Protein backbone atom coordinates (compact mmCIF):
# COMPACT_ATOMS: atom_id res chain seq x y z
CA UNK A 1 -49.17 -69.21 81.17
CA UNK A 2 -50.62 -70.20 77.82
CA UNK A 3 -50.68 -66.70 76.32
CA UNK A 4 -47.02 -66.37 77.40
CA UNK A 5 -46.17 -69.33 75.09
CA UNK A 6 -48.05 -68.14 72.25
CA UNK A 7 -46.58 -64.69 72.33
CA UNK A 8 -42.83 -66.38 72.31
CA UNK A 9 -43.81 -68.58 69.78
CA UNK A 10 -45.21 -65.34 67.56
CA UNK A 11 -42.12 -63.49 68.12
CA UNK A 12 -39.71 -66.14 67.38
CA UNK A 13 -41.74 -66.83 64.07
CA UNK A 14 -41.62 -62.87 63.01
CA UNK A 15 -37.94 -62.90 64.31
CA UNK A 16 -36.75 -65.89 62.09
CA UNK A 17 -38.95 -64.45 58.86
CA UNK A 18 -36.83 -60.59 59.52
CA UNK A 19 -33.49 -62.79 59.43
CA UNK A 20 -34.62 -64.89 56.46
CA UNK A 21 -35.69 -61.55 54.36
CA UNK A 22 -32.30 -59.93 55.47
CA UNK A 23 -30.52 -62.99 54.07
CA UNK A 24 -32.12 -63.34 51.06
CA UNK A 25 -32.21 -59.82 50.03
CA UNK A 26 -28.24 -59.59 50.62
CA UNK A 27 -27.87 -62.87 48.04
CA UNK A 28 -29.69 -61.05 45.64
CA UNK A 29 -27.93 -57.70 45.69
CA UNK A 30 -24.15 -60.07 45.48
CA UNK A 31 -25.59 -61.82 42.39
CA UNK A 32 -26.75 -58.92 40.40
CA UNK A 33 -23.19 -57.10 40.99
CA UNK A 34 -21.60 -60.50 39.47
CA UNK A 35 -23.84 -61.22 36.90
CA UNK A 36 -22.17 -58.93 34.48
CA UNK A 37 -18.33 -59.09 35.47
CA UNK A 38 -17.16 -60.77 32.74
CA UNK A 39 -17.26 -60.59 28.60
CA UNK A 40 -16.72 -63.28 26.26
CA UNK A 41 -15.14 -61.99 23.14
CA UNK A 42 -14.24 -64.14 20.08
CA UNK A 43 -11.76 -61.75 18.00
CA UNK A 44 -11.72 -64.67 15.10
CA UNK A 45 -12.78 -67.90 14.54
CA UNK A 46 -9.66 -70.10 16.63
CA UNK A 47 -9.93 -67.66 19.72
CA UNK A 48 -11.81 -67.00 22.75
CA UNK A 49 -11.10 -64.45 25.24
CA UNK A 50 -12.97 -63.84 28.28
CA UNK A 51 -12.30 -60.48 30.12
CA UNK A 52 -12.78 -59.86 33.87
CA UNK A 53 -14.28 -56.01 33.95
CA UNK A 54 -13.43 -55.72 37.98
CA UNK A 55 -9.78 -56.84 38.00
CA UNK A 56 -8.74 -55.89 34.23
CA UNK A 57 -7.21 -59.72 33.76
CA UNK A 58 -8.20 -61.73 30.51
CA UNK A 59 -7.60 -65.11 29.48
CA UNK A 60 -7.67 -66.81 26.55
CA UNK A 61 -7.91 -70.32 24.81
CA UNK A 62 -7.23 -71.60 21.00
CA UNK A 63 -10.20 -73.40 19.87
CA UNK A 64 -8.82 -75.57 16.77
CA UNK A 65 -6.55 -78.17 18.05
CA UNK A 66 -3.12 -78.20 16.93
CA UNK A 67 -3.08 -74.49 16.65
CA UNK A 68 -1.45 -73.25 20.18
CA UNK A 69 -2.29 -73.92 23.56
CA UNK A 70 -5.55 -75.70 24.48
CA UNK A 71 -5.69 -74.91 27.96
CA UNK A 72 -6.89 -71.38 29.66
CA UNK A 73 -4.02 -69.20 29.68
CA UNK A 74 -4.04 -65.90 32.00
CA UNK A 75 -2.97 -62.91 30.18
CA UNK A 76 -1.56 -59.47 31.39
CA UNK A 77 -4.34 -56.86 31.80
CA UNK A 78 -4.49 -54.44 28.64
CA UNK A 79 -5.09 -51.85 31.22
CA UNK A 80 -2.37 -50.12 32.58
CA UNK A 81 -2.64 -50.10 36.33
CA UNK A 82 0.49 -47.96 37.19
CA UNK A 83 -0.51 -44.26 37.56
CA UNK A 84 0.23 -41.93 34.67
CA UNK A 85 2.22 -38.61 35.24
CA UNK A 86 1.00 -35.81 33.17
């Protein structure tokens, strides 16, 4: 009886370890994909642009007060999404 309980406990521990390793592996792969998704561009001293490489959208903000909107604004993508006819 005691050997079966020890065996059951070992099976539970090994199974839990495999599940934990699988979860950690998936989280690492996701964080690597998202790591270089956004690019910060500063074309001049008063503008900041964040470009989303995955969707093609970009967000702009004026740094200096009294020179335009101070909130982030979503802009149209500079990458054309419509197919080009040749």
